[in-house]
Amino acid sequence: MNLKPFKIAFAGLKDGKHEFTYDIDNAFFEEFGFEEFNSSDINVVVTMDKRPTIMDLEFVATGVINVNCDLTNEPFDMPLEAQMDLIVKFGQEFNDENESLLILAHGEYEFYVSQYIYEMLVLAVPVKRVHPGIEDGTLESDIVKKLEELKPKPSFIEKQNEQQADPRWDILKELKTDNNL
């Protein structure tokens, strides 16, 4: 995949709002050496508000990625939504050290948005990816059954402690403090 479509040549554009649409799949992520998704189908809309000395960009992404569950390793489709704002200004030299501010050198007429799209999408994925079937109990797999078998059982002492509560603690629970003093 070539990242050329992610280049925005703003020099010939009139002041005002402009919209750029990108369809993202795994080939996009492979350009960055990122191979954690089984598949991806994401739509990114970049809205640029161009003014004489500054440009405001809003990135909005919606779509689906297919990843493996961190608990069961079962693949599943995870909805993905992300939003990011970027301000583009002009200065003496190029500077992209600030994540929400891009400074282009005077005389520049284009820039790439691919790196910003990549970072926005990768950061939008939760650190822990859990299959929705695990959360609602509908996933049937050998791994889930084995996890249930290996789940720690409450010990005899823990059961006894739950049954024999010390009545002295009940009296302390009834104490109230007056915050108006």
Protein backbone atom coordinates (compact mmCIF):
# COMPACT_ATOMS: atom_id res chain seq x y z
CA MET A 1 0.00 0.00 0.00
CA ASN A 2 1.19 3.47 -0.80
CA LEU A 3 0.57 6.28 1.70
CA LYS A 4 0.28 8.87 -1.09
CA PRO A 5 -3.54 9.16 -0.73
CA PHE A 6 -2.97 10.42 2.83
CA LYS A 7 -1.17 13.51 1.59
CA ILE A 8 -3.19 16.72 1.88
CA ALA A 9 -2.03 19.40 -0.55
CA PHE A 10 -3.59 22.45 1.06
CA ALA A 11 -1.89 25.20 -0.96
CA GLY A 12 -4.47 25.19 -3.76
CA LEU A 13 -7.50 24.89 -1.49
CA LYS A 14 -9.75 27.84 -0.73
CA ASP A 15 -10.29 28.97 2.84
CA GLY A 16 -13.15 27.11 4.51
CA LYS A 17 -14.05 23.51 5.33
CA HIS A 18 -12.78 20.58 3.29
CA GLU A 19 -13.48 16.89 3.89
CA PHE A 20 -11.21 13.93 3.16
CA THR A 21 -12.39 10.32 3.50
CA TYR A 22 -10.16 7.29 3.95
CA ASP A 23 -11.04 3.58 4.05
CA ILE A 24 -8.58 1.77 6.28
CA ASP A 25 -7.80 -1.95 6.12
CA ASN A 26 -4.92 -4.13 7.32
CA ALA A 27 -2.65 -3.00 4.44
CA PHE A 28 -2.59 0.45 6.07
CA PHE A 29 -1.40 -0.96 9.41
CA GLU A 30 1.18 -3.20 7.73
CA GLU A 31 2.85 -0.04 6.35
CA PHE A 32 3.66 0.81 9.97
CA GLY A 33 4.71 -2.74 10.90
CA PHE A 34 1.60 -3.23 13.05
CA GLU A 35 0.10 -6.71 12.72
CA GLU A 36 -2.12 -7.16 15.79
CA PHE A 37 -5.43 -7.06 13.91
CA ASN A 38 -6.74 -10.10 12.03
CA SER A 39 -8.68 -7.73 9.78
CA SER A 40 -9.96 -4.18 9.85
CA ASP A 41 -12.62 -2.13 8.11
CA ILE A 42 -12.49 1.46 9.32
CA ASN A 43 -13.75 4.68 7.78
CA VAL A 44 -11.88 7.85 8.70
CA VAL A 45 -13.21 11.31 7.87
CA VAL A 46 -10.82 14.24 8.18
CA THR A 47 -12.50 17.64 8.21
CA MET A 48 -10.12 20.53 7.65
CA ASP A 49 -11.07 24.13 8.35
CA LYS A 50 -8.51 26.16 6.40
CA ARG A 51 -7.85 29.76 7.34
CA PRO A 52 -5.06 32.09 6.15
CA THR A 53 -2.62 31.35 9.00
CA ILE A 54 -3.94 28.17 10.64
CA MET A 55 -5.76 24.93 9.83
CA ASP A 56 -7.96 22.97 12.23
CA LEU A 57 -8.33 19.26 11.51
CA GLU A 58 -10.84 16.93 13.08
CA PHE A 59 -10.34 13.18 12.63
CA VAL A 60 -13.36 10.90 13.18
CA ALA A 61 -13.08 7.13 12.77
CA THR A 62 -15.75 4.44 12.91
CA GLY A 63 -15.47 0.81 11.98
CA VAL A 64 -14.69 -2.72 13.06
CA ILE A 65 -11.48 -4.57 13.79
CA ASN A 66 -11.13 -8.32 14.19
CA VAL A 67 -8.84 -9.22 17.09
CA ASN A 68 -8.20 -12.22 19.30
CA CYS A 69 -9.61 -12.26 22.82
CA ASP A 70 -6.90 -11.88 25.47
CA LEU A 71 -8.55 -14.57 27.64
CA THR A 72 -9.62 -17.25 25.16
CA ASN A 73 -7.69 -16.34 21.98
CA GLU A 74 -11.02 -16.56 20.11
CA PRO A 75 -11.24 -14.05 17.23
CA PHE A 76 -14.08 -11.53 17.37
CA ASP A 77 -15.20 -8.29 15.76
CA MET A 78 -14.68 -5.27 17.99
CA PRO A 79 -16.36 -1.96 17.12
CA LEU A 80 -13.91 0.92 17.01
CA GLU A 81 -14.65 4.62 17.35
CA ALA A 82 -12.08 7.37 17.69
CA GLN A 83 -11.87 11.15 17.46
CA MET A 84 -8.89 13.50 17.46
CA ASP A 85 -8.22 17.18 16.80
CA LEU A 86 -5.07 18.61 15.26
CA ILE A 87 -4.04 22.23 14.77
CA VAL A 88 -1.65 23.06 11.95
CA LYS A 89 0.32 26.31 12.17
CA PHE A 90 3.25 27.75 10.26
CA GLY A 91 6.62 28.58 11.79
CA GLN A 92 10.35 28.75 11.15
CA GLU A 93 10.83 24.98 10.99
CA PHE A 94 8.87 21.71 10.99
CA ASN A 95 7.88 20.51 14.47
CA ASP A 96 5.56 17.60 15.32
CA GLU A 97 6.61 17.05 18.95
CA ASN A 98 3.20 18.08 20.32
CA GLU A 99 0.49 15.49 19.65
CA SER A 100 -2.22 18.07 18.97
CA LEU A 101 -0.12 20.71 17.20
CA LEU A 102 1.79 20.42 13.93
CA ILE A 103 4.06 23.26 12.89
CA LEU A 104 4.94 23.38 9.20
CA ALA A 105 7.81 25.48 7.86
CA HIS A 106 6.79 28.56 5.89
CA GLY A 107 6.54 27.65 2.22
CA GLU A 108 5.20 24.11 2.79
CA TYR A 109 2.21 23.24 0.65
CA GLU A 110 1.33 19.69 1.78
CA PHE A 111 1.54 17.25 4.68
CA TYR A 112 0.68 13.63 5.43
CA VAL A 113 -2.09 12.63 7.86
CA SER A 114 -1.29 8.89 7.82
CA GLN A 115 0.80 8.94 11.04
CA TYR A 116 -1.95 10.78 12.93
CA ILE A 117 -4.62 8.36 11.70
CA TYR A 118 -2.45 5.38 12.65
CA GLU A 119 -1.78 6.65 16.17
CA MET A 120 -5.42 7.60 16.75
CA LEU A 121 -6.67 4.15 15.73
CA VAL A 122 -4.08 2.12 17.61
CA LEU A 123 -4.61 4.15 20.78
CA ALA A 124 -8.40 3.71 20.51
CA VAL A 125 -8.12 -0.07 20.94
CA PRO A 126 -8.58 -1.15 24.58
CA VAL A 127 -5.53 -2.61 26.30
CA LYS A 128 -7.52 -5.68 27.35
CA ARG A 129 -9.61 -7.16 24.55
CA VAL A 130 -12.33 -9.44 25.90
CA HIS A 131 -14.77 -11.34 23.69
CA PRO A 132 -18.34 -10.09 24.29
CA GLY A 133 -19.41 -13.72 24.75
CA ILE A 134 -17.20 -13.92 27.84
CA GLU A 135 -18.85 -10.89 29.41
CA ASP A 136 -22.42 -12.04 28.82
CA GLY A 137 -21.70 -15.77 29.30
CA THR A 138 -22.78 -16.89 25.81
CA LEU A 139 -19.39 -17.98 24.45
CA GLU A 140 -19.07 -21.75 24.23
CA SER A 141 -15.52 -22.96 23.83
CA ASP A 142 -13.12 -25.49 25.30
CA ILE A 143 -10.96 -22.70 26.71
CA VAL A 144 -13.88 -21.16 28.63
CA LYS A 145 -14.78 -24.57 30.10
CA LYS A 146 -11.18 -25.14 31.17
CA LEU A 147 -11.00 -21.66 32.75
CA GLU A 148 -14.15 -22.45 34.77
CA GLU A 149 -12.60 -25.73 35.95
CA LEU A 150 -9.40 -23.99 37.04
CA LYS A 151 -11.17 -21.11 38.76
CA PRO A 152 -10.08 -20.91 42.43
CA LYS A 153 -12.61 -22.29 44.88
CA PRO A 154 -13.30 -20.47 48.16
CA SER A 155 -11.40 -22.09 50.99
CA PHE A 156 -13.03 -23.59 54.08
CA ILE A 157 -11.68 -20.78 56.30
CA GLU A 158 -13.09 -18.05 54.01
CA LYS A 159 -16.53 -19.70 54.14
CA GLN A 160 -16.41 -19.84 57.95
CA ASN A 161 -15.35 -16.19 58.21
CA GLU A 162 -18.30 -15.14 56.07
CA GLN A 163 -20.74 -17.08 58.25
CA GLN A 164 -19.41 -15.90 61.64
CA ALA A 165 -19.43 -12.13 61.61
CA ASP A 166 -18.24 -10.47 64.83
CA PRO A 167 -21.21 -8.55 66.35
CA ARG A 168 -18.86 -5.84 67.67
CA TRP A 169 -18.35 -4.61 64.10
CA ASP A 170 -22.10 -4.17 63.69
CA ILE A 171 -22.12 -1.62 66.53
CA LEU A 172 -19.31 0.36 64.86
CA LYS A 173 -21.21 0.40 61.58
CA GLU A 174 -24.13 2.10 63.31
CA LEU A 175 -21.97 5.02 64.52
CA LYS A 176 -22.53 8.21 62.62
CA THR A 177 -20.43 11.33 62.58
CA ASP A 178 -21.73 14.87 62.60
CA ASN A 179 -19.98 16.84 59.84
CA ASN A 180 -21.51 20.14 60.97
CA LEU A 181 -19.21 20.57 63.99
